[in-house]
Amino acid sequence: MKIEISEIFIDDNKLKKNIEIELKEPKKVVDILEELGVKNLGYADFYLNDKKVKKDTIAKNDDLLTVLPIIGGG
């Protein structure tokens, strides 16, 4: 699985902006990111294969997960 994380969510120097991991089984987006140590997920939008999804969406090894800050306007 490929993961692209906006730098705003990377608190730790060990975590990179673009990473690739192997899942043993499909998992929720939020569980994957918490295991990686991604912070402040309450302020994030999640995209799986370029489609906006909720944090409890199940991801698989062949997916691309993108984590971006919530963008608002008005």
PDB file of N, CA and C in Angstrom:
ATOM      1  N   MET A   1       0.841  -1.169   0.000  1.00  0.00           N
ATOM      2  CA  MET A   1       0.000   0.000   0.000  1.00  0.00           C
ATOM      3  C   MET A   1       0.888   1.234   0.000  1.00  0.00           C
ATOM      4  N   LYS A   2       0.516   2.196  -0.824  1.00  0.00           N
ATOM      5  CA  LYS A   2       1.239   3.464  -0.859  1.00  0.00           C
ATOM      6  C   LYS A   2       0.457   4.499  -0.066  1.00  0.00           C
ATOM      7  N   ILE A   3       1.203   5.317   0.682  1.00  0.00           N
ATOM      8  CA  ILE A   3       0.580   6.345   1.509  1.00  0.00           C
ATOM      9  C   ILE A   3       1.299   7.665   1.279  1.00  0.00           C
ATOM     10  N   GLU A   4       0.524   8.714   0.999  1.00  0.00           N
ATOM     11  CA  GLU A   4       1.040  10.068   0.861  1.00  0.00           C
ATOM     12  C   GLU A   4       0.448  10.898   1.995  1.00  0.00           C
ATOM     13  N   ILE A   5       1.316  11.487   2.825  1.00  0.00           N
ATOM     14  CA  ILE A   5       0.867  12.215   4.004  1.00  0.00           C
ATOM     15  C   ILE A   5       1.322  13.670   3.907  1.00  0.00           C
ATOM     16  N   SER A   6       0.393  14.592   4.072  1.00  0.00           N
ATOM     17  CA  SER A   6       0.753  16.003   4.099  1.00  0.00           C
ATOM     18  C   SER A   6       1.724  16.241   5.254  1.00  0.00           C
ATOM     19  N   GLU A   7       2.725  17.060   5.021  1.00  0.00           N
ATOM     20  CA  GLU A   7       3.767  17.304   6.022  1.00  0.00           C
ATOM     21  C   GLU A   7       3.224  17.851   7.335  1.00  0.00           C
ATOM     22  N   ILE A   8       2.070  18.478   7.310  1.00  0.00           N
ATOM     23  CA  ILE A   8       1.495  19.046   8.527  1.00  0.00           C
ATOM     24  C   ILE A   8       1.174  17.960   9.569  1.00  0.00           C
ATOM     25  N   PHE A   9       1.002  16.725   9.131  1.00  0.00           N
ATOM     26  CA  PHE A   9       0.660  15.625  10.035  1.00  0.00           C
ATOM     27  C   PHE A   9       1.880  14.805  10.469  1.00  0.00           C
ATOM     28  N   ILE A  10       3.048  15.181   9.980  1.00  0.00           N
ATOM     29  CA  ILE A  10       4.258  14.427  10.298  1.00  0.00           C
ATOM     30  C   ILE A  10       4.994  15.138  11.427  1.00  0.00           C
ATOM     31  N   ASP A  11       4.917  14.553  12.603  1.00  0.00           N
ATOM     32  CA  ASP A  11       5.526  15.117  13.804  1.00  0.00           C
ATOM     33  C   ASP A  11       6.897  14.507  14.066  1.00  0.00           C
ATOM     34  N   ASP A  12       7.139  13.385  13.469  1.00  0.00           N
ATOM     35  CA  ASP A  12       8.293  12.551  13.791  1.00  0.00           C
ATOM     36  C   ASP A  12       9.234  12.489  12.592  1.00  0.00           C
ATOM     37  N   ASN A  13      10.505  12.666  12.820  1.00  0.00           N
ATOM     38  CA  ASN A  13      11.475  12.621  11.719  1.00  0.00           C
ATOM     39  C   ASN A  13      11.574  11.241  11.079  1.00  0.00           C
ATOM     40  N   LYS A  14      11.117  10.210  11.770  1.00  0.00           N
ATOM     41  CA  LYS A  14      11.183   8.850  11.221  1.00  0.00           C
ATOM     42  C   LYS A  14      10.116   8.614  10.157  1.00  0.00           C
ATOM     43  N   LEU A  15       9.052   9.390  10.192  1.00  0.00           N
ATOM     44  CA  LEU A  15       7.947   9.225   9.253  1.00  0.00           C
ATOM     45  C   LEU A  15       8.191  10.089   8.022  1.00  0.00           C
ATOM     46  N   LYS A  16       8.026   9.515   6.866  1.00  0.00           N
ATOM     47  CA  LYS A  16       8.251  10.216   5.598  1.00  0.00           C
ATOM     48  C   LYS A  16       6.926  10.656   4.982  1.00  0.00           C
ATOM     49  N   LYS A  17       7.011  11.584   4.060  1.00  0.00           N
ATOM     50  CA  LYS A  17       5.829  12.092   3.356  1.00  0.00           C
ATOM     51  C   LYS A  17       5.215  11.038   2.441  1.00  0.00           C
ATOM     52  N   ASN A  18       6.047  10.264   1.767  1.00  0.00           N
ATOM     53  CA  ASN A  18       5.588   9.192   0.880  1.00  0.00           C
ATOM     54  C   ASN A  18       6.176   7.882   1.370  1.00  0.00           C
ATOM     55  N   ILE A  19       5.310   6.962   1.726  1.00  0.00           N
ATOM     56  CA  ILE A  19       5.786   5.670   2.223  1.00  0.00           C
ATOM     57  C   ILE A  19       5.032   4.537   1.551  1.00  0.00           C
ATOM     58  N   GLU A  20       5.584   3.357   1.675  1.00  0.00           N
ATOM     59  CA  GLU A  20       4.931   2.154   1.167  1.00  0.00           C
ATOM     60  C   GLU A  20       5.015   1.098   2.256  1.00  0.00           C
ATOM     61  N   ILE A  21       3.876   0.477   2.552  1.00  0.00           N
ATOM     62  CA  ILE A  21       3.832  -0.566   3.572  1.00  0.00           C
ATOM     63  C   ILE A  21       3.128  -1.797   3.016  1.00  0.00           C
ATOM     64  N   GLU A  22       3.338  -2.914   3.666  1.00  0.00           N
ATOM     65  CA  GLU A  22       2.664  -4.169   3.307  1.00  0.00           C
ATOM     66  C   GLU A  22       1.684  -4.494   4.436  1.00  0.00           C
ATOM     67  N   LEU A  23       0.410  -4.577   4.110  1.00  0.00           N
ATOM     68  CA  LEU A  23      -0.610  -4.948   5.095  1.00  0.00           C
ATOM     69  C   LEU A  23      -0.753  -6.461   5.139  1.00  0.00           C
ATOM     70  N   LYS A  24      -0.843  -7.010   6.333  1.00  0.00           N
ATOM     71  CA  LYS A  24      -1.077  -8.452   6.461  1.00  0.00           C
ATOM     72  C   LYS A  24      -2.526  -8.788   6.143  1.00  0.00           C
ATOM     73  N   GLU A  25      -3.387  -7.816   6.382  1.00  0.00           N
ATOM     74  CA  GLU A  25      -4.814  -7.966   6.089  1.00  0.00           C
ATOM     75  C   GLU A  25      -5.402  -6.575   5.895  1.00  0.00           C
ATOM     76  N   PRO A  26      -6.553  -6.457   5.235  1.00  0.00           N
ATOM     77  CA  PRO A  26      -7.177  -5.143   5.083  1.00  0.00           C
ATOM     78  C   PRO A  26      -7.443  -4.511   6.455  1.00  0.00           C
ATOM     79  N   LYS A  27      -7.279  -3.175   6.535  1.00  0.00           N
ATOM     80  CA  LYS A  27      -7.454  -2.457   7.804  1.00  0.00           C
ATOM     81  C   LYS A  27      -8.153  -1.137   7.561  1.00  0.00           C
ATOM     82  N   LYS A  28      -8.723  -0.582   8.646  1.00  0.00           N
ATOM     83  CA  LYS A  28      -9.312   0.744   8.582  1.00  0.00           C
ATOM     84  C   LYS A  28      -8.210   1.778   8.366  1.00  0.00           C
ATOM     85  N   VAL A  29      -8.532   2.805   7.608  1.00  0.00           N
ATOM     86  CA  VAL A  29      -7.605   3.892   7.336  1.00  0.00           C
ATOM     87  C   VAL A  29      -7.051   4.458   8.643  1.00  0.00           C
ATOM     88  N   VAL A  30      -7.914   4.733   9.602  1.00  0.00           N
ATOM     89  CA  VAL A  30      -7.487   5.333  10.860  1.00  0.00           C
ATOM     90  C   VAL A  30      -6.528   4.418  11.627  1.00  0.00           C
ATOM     91  N   ASP A  31      -6.756   3.125  11.596  1.00  0.00           N
ATOM     92  CA  ASP A  31      -5.876   2.181  12.297  1.00  0.00           C
ATOM     93  C   ASP A  31      -4.477   2.167  11.676  1.00  0.00           C
ATOM     94  N   ILE A  32      -4.414   2.200  10.368  1.00  0.00           N
ATOM     95  CA  ILE A  32      -3.123   2.218   9.669  1.00  0.00           C
ATOM     96  C   ILE A  32      -2.333   3.457  10.070  1.00  0.00           C
ATOM     97  N   LEU A  33      -2.987   4.613  10.024  1.00  0.00           N
ATOM     98  CA  LEU A  33      -2.303   5.870  10.303  1.00  0.00           C
ATOM     99  C   LEU A  33      -1.898   5.992  11.768  1.00  0.00           C
ATOM    100  N   GLU A  34      -2.740   5.518  12.678  1.00  0.00           N
ATOM    101  CA  GLU A  34      -2.378   5.550  14.099  1.00  0.00           C
ATOM    102  C   GLU A  34      -1.181   4.649  14.381  1.00  0.00           C
ATOM    103  N   GLU A  35      -1.126   3.482  13.734  1.00  0.00           N
ATOM    104  CA  GLU A  35       0.012   2.585  13.913  1.00  0.00           C
ATOM    105  C   GLU A  35       1.305   3.213  13.403  1.00  0.00           C
ATOM    106  N   LEU A  36       1.207   4.056  12.382  1.00  0.00           N
ATOM    107  CA  LEU A  36       2.374   4.745  11.830  1.00  0.00           C
ATOM    108  C   LEU A  36       2.774   5.960  12.667  1.00  0.00           C
ATOM    109  N   GLY A  37       1.905   6.388  13.580  1.00  0.00           N
ATOM    110  CA  GLY A  37       2.207   7.534  14.424  1.00  0.00           C
ATOM    111  C   GLY A  37       1.798   8.873  13.840  1.00  0.00           C
ATOM    112  N   VAL A  38       0.882   8.863  12.882  1.00  0.00           N
ATOM    113  CA  VAL A  38       0.411  10.111  12.290  1.00  0.00           C
ATOM    114  C   VAL A  38      -0.460  10.832  13.325  1.00  0.00           C
ATOM    115  N   LYS A  39      -0.197  12.113  13.507  1.00  0.00           N
ATOM    116  CA  LYS A  39      -0.865  12.927  14.535  1.00  0.00           C
ATOM    117  C   LYS A  39      -1.995  13.779  13.957  1.00  0.00           C
ATOM    118  N   ASN A  40      -2.885  14.230  14.845  1.00  0.00           N
ATOM    119  CA  ASN A  40      -3.947  15.198  14.518  1.00  0.00           C
ATOM    120  C   ASN A  40      -4.880  14.755  13.393  1.00  0.00           C
ATOM    121  N   LEU A  41      -5.279  13.497  13.422  1.00  0.00           N
ATOM    122  CA  LEU A  41      -6.129  12.961  12.355  1.00  0.00           C
ATOM    123  C   LEU A  41      -7.521  13.586  12.318  1.00  0.00           C
ATOM    124  N   GLY A  42      -7.908  14.249  13.401  1.00  0.00           N
ATOM    125  CA  GLY A  42      -9.197  14.931  13.418  1.00  0.00           C
ATOM    126  C   GLY A  42      -9.255  16.117  12.465  1.00  0.00           C
ATOM    127  N   TYR A  43      -8.095  16.548  11.992  1.00  0.00           N
ATOM    128  CA  TYR A  43      -8.005  17.682  11.077  1.00  0.00           C
ATOM    129  C   TYR A  43      -7.657  17.242   9.655  1.00  0.00           C
ATOM    130  N   ALA A  44      -7.885  15.971   9.357  1.00  0.00           N
ATOM    131  CA  ALA A  44      -7.465  15.420   8.065  1.00  0.00           C
ATOM    132  C   ALA A  44      -8.656  14.973   7.223  1.00  0.00           C
ATOM    133  N   ASP A  45      -8.466  15.080   5.916  1.00  0.00           N
ATOM    134  CA  ASP A  45      -9.346  14.436   4.944  1.00  0.00           C
ATOM    135  C   ASP A  45      -8.582  13.244   4.382  1.00  0.00           C
ATOM    136  N   PHE A  46      -9.304  12.174   4.104  1.00  0.00           N
ATOM    137  CA  PHE A  46      -8.686  10.931   3.641  1.00  0.00           C
ATOM    138  C   PHE A  46      -9.192  10.603   2.243  1.00  0.00           C
ATOM    139  N   TYR A  47      -8.264  10.222   1.380  1.00  0.00           N
ATOM    140  CA  TYR A  47      -8.599   9.849   0.005  1.00  0.00           C
ATOM    141  C   TYR A  47      -8.002   8.478  -0.278  1.00  0.00           C
ATOM    142  N   LEU A  48      -8.834   7.581  -0.748  1.00  0.00           N
ATOM    143  CA  LEU A  48      -8.396   6.243  -1.122  1.00  0.00           C
ATOM    144  C   LEU A  48      -8.578   6.123  -2.627  1.00  0.00           C
ATOM    145  N   ASN A  49      -7.462   5.980  -3.343  1.00  0.00           N
ATOM    146  CA  ASN A  49      -7.491   5.919  -4.802  1.00  0.00           C
ATOM    147  C   ASN A  49      -8.213   7.136  -5.400  1.00  0.00           C
ATOM    148  N   ASP A  50      -7.893   8.309  -4.840  1.00  0.00           N
ATOM    149  CA  ASP A  50      -8.400   9.612  -5.294  1.00  0.00           C
ATOM    150  C   ASP A  50      -9.881   9.856  -5.012  1.00  0.00           C
ATOM    151  N   LYS A  51     -10.508   9.041  -4.158  1.00  0.00           N
ATOM    152  CA  LYS A  51     -11.902   9.263  -3.765  1.00  0.00           C
ATOM    153  C   LYS A  51     -11.935   9.557  -2.273  1.00  0.00           C
ATOM    154  N   LYS A  52     -12.650  10.622  -1.877  1.00  0.00           N
ATOM    155  CA  LYS A  52     -12.741  10.983  -0.464  1.00  0.00           C
ATOM    156  C   LYS A  52     -13.468   9.872   0.295  1.00  0.00           C
ATOM    157  N   VAL A  53     -12.873   9.462   1.431  1.00  0.00           N
ATOM    158  CA  VAL A  53     -13.451   8.391   2.243  1.00  0.00           C
ATOM    159  C   VAL A  53     -13.446   8.795   3.713  1.00  0.00           C
ATOM    160  N   LYS A  54     -14.182   8.047   4.515  1.00  0.00           N
ATOM    161  CA  LYS A  54     -14.191   8.253   5.964  1.00  0.00           C
ATOM    162  C   LYS A  54     -13.045   7.469   6.590  1.00  0.00           C
ATOM    163  N   LYS A  55     -12.691   7.850   7.819  1.00  0.00           N
ATOM    164  CA  LYS A  55     -11.533   7.230   8.469  1.00  0.00           C
ATOM    165  C   LYS A  55     -11.740   5.750   8.787  1.00  0.00           C
ATOM    166  N   ASP A  56     -12.973   5.286   8.803  1.00  0.00           N
ATOM    167  CA  ASP A  56     -13.208   3.865   9.098  1.00  0.00           C
ATOM    168  C   ASP A  56     -13.331   3.009   7.830  1.00  0.00           C
ATOM    169  N   THR A  57     -13.012   3.583   6.679  1.00  0.00           N
ATOM    170  CA  THR A  57     -12.999   2.840   5.416  1.00  0.00           C
ATOM    171  C   THR A  57     -11.863   1.827   5.431  1.00  0.00           C
ATOM    172  N   ILE A  58     -12.136   0.653   4.895  1.00  0.00           N
ATOM    173  CA  ILE A  58     -11.135  -0.419   4.844  1.00  0.00           C
ATOM    174  C   ILE A  58     -10.217  -0.224   3.643  1.00  0.00           C
ATOM    175  N   ALA A  59      -8.899  -0.290   3.903  1.00  0.00           N
ATOM    176  CA  ALA A  59      -7.894  -0.162   2.848  1.00  0.00           C
ATOM    177  C   ALA A  59      -7.187  -1.493   2.643  1.00  0.00           C
ATOM    178  N   LYS A  60      -6.715  -1.706   1.402  1.00  0.00           N
ATOM    179  CA  LYS A  60      -6.007  -2.943   1.041  1.00  0.00           C
ATOM    180  C   LYS A  60      -4.635  -2.598   0.470  1.00  0.00           C
ATOM    181  N   ASN A  61      -3.823  -3.618   0.255  1.00  0.00           N
ATOM    182  CA  ASN A  61      -2.456  -3.426  -0.217  1.00  0.00           C
ATOM    183  C   ASN A  61      -2.341  -2.717  -1.563  1.00  0.00           C
ATOM    184  N   ASP A  62      -3.315  -2.880  -2.432  1.00  0.00           N
ATOM    185  CA  ASP A  62      -3.203  -2.269  -3.757  1.00  0.00           C
ATOM    186  C   ASP A  62      -3.776  -0.844  -3.805  1.00  0.00           C
ATOM    187  N   ASP A  63      -4.087  -0.276  -2.648  1.00  0.00           N
ATOM    188  CA  ASP A  63      -4.669   1.063  -2.580  1.00  0.00           C
ATOM    189  C   ASP A  63      -3.603   2.144  -2.428  1.00  0.00           C
ATOM    190  N   LEU A  64      -3.988   3.357  -2.820  1.00  0.00           N
ATOM    191  CA  LEU A  64      -3.210   4.563  -2.550  1.00  0.00           C
ATOM    192  C   LEU A  64      -4.003   5.390  -1.562  1.00  0.00           C
ATOM    193  N   LEU A  65      -3.436   5.657  -0.391  1.00  0.00           N
ATOM    194  CA  LEU A  65      -4.075   6.468   0.639  1.00  0.00           C
ATOM    195  C   LEU A  65      -3.386   7.829   0.684  1.00  0.00           C
ATOM    196  N   THR A  66      -4.172   8.879   0.585  1.00  0.00           N
ATOM    197  CA  THR A  66      -3.651  10.232   0.665  1.00  0.00           C
ATOM    198  C   THR A  66      -4.293  10.931   1.865  1.00  0.00           C
ATOM    199  N   VAL A  67      -3.459  11.602   2.665  1.00  0.00           N
ATOM    200  CA  VAL A  67      -3.923  12.301   3.864  1.00  0.00           C
ATOM    201  C   VAL A  67      -3.606  13.784   3.689  1.00  0.00           C
ATOM    202  N   LEU A  68      -4.654  14.605   3.643  1.00  0.00           N
ATOM    203  CA  LEU A  68      -4.500  16.049   3.438  1.00  0.00           C
ATOM    204  C   LEU A  68      -5.229  16.797   4.548  1.00  0.00           C
ATOM    205  N   PRO A  69      -4.807  18.038   4.821  1.00  0.00           N
ATOM    206  CA  PRO A  69      -5.550  18.841   5.816  1.00  0.00           C
ATOM    207  C   PRO A  69      -6.933  19.208   5.281  1.00  0.00           C
ATOM    208  N   ILE A  70      -7.874  19.325   6.210  1.00  0.00           N
ATOM    209  CA  ILE A  70      -9.218  19.772   5.842  1.00  0.00           C
ATOM    210  C   ILE A  70      -9.108  21.200   5.306  1.00  0.00           C
ATOM    211  N   ILE A  71      -9.763  21.442   4.193  1.00  0.00           N
ATOM    212  CA  ILE A  71      -9.734  22.773   3.585  1.00  0.00           C
ATOM    213  C   ILE A  71     -11.138  23.340   3.608  1.00  0.00           C
ATOM    214  N   GLY A  72     -11.262  24.493   4.170  1.00  0.00           N
ATOM    215  CA  GLY A  72     -12.560  25.149   4.236  1.00  0.00           C
ATOM    216  C   GLY A  72     -12.477  26.527   3.607  1.00  0.00           C
ATOM    217  N   GLY A  73     -13.583  27.051   3.322  1.00  0.00           N
ATOM    218  CA  GLY A  73     -13.598  28.374   2.725  1.00  0.00           C
ATOM    219  C   GLY A  73     -14.889  29.085   3.080  1.00  0.00           C
ATOM    220  N   GLY A  74     -14.978  30.241   2.653  1.00  0.00           N
ATOM    221  CA  GLY A  74     -16.209  30.924   2.939  1.00  0.00           C
ATOM    222  C   GLY A  74     -16.087  32.334   2.812  1.00  0.00           C
TER     223      GLY A  74
END
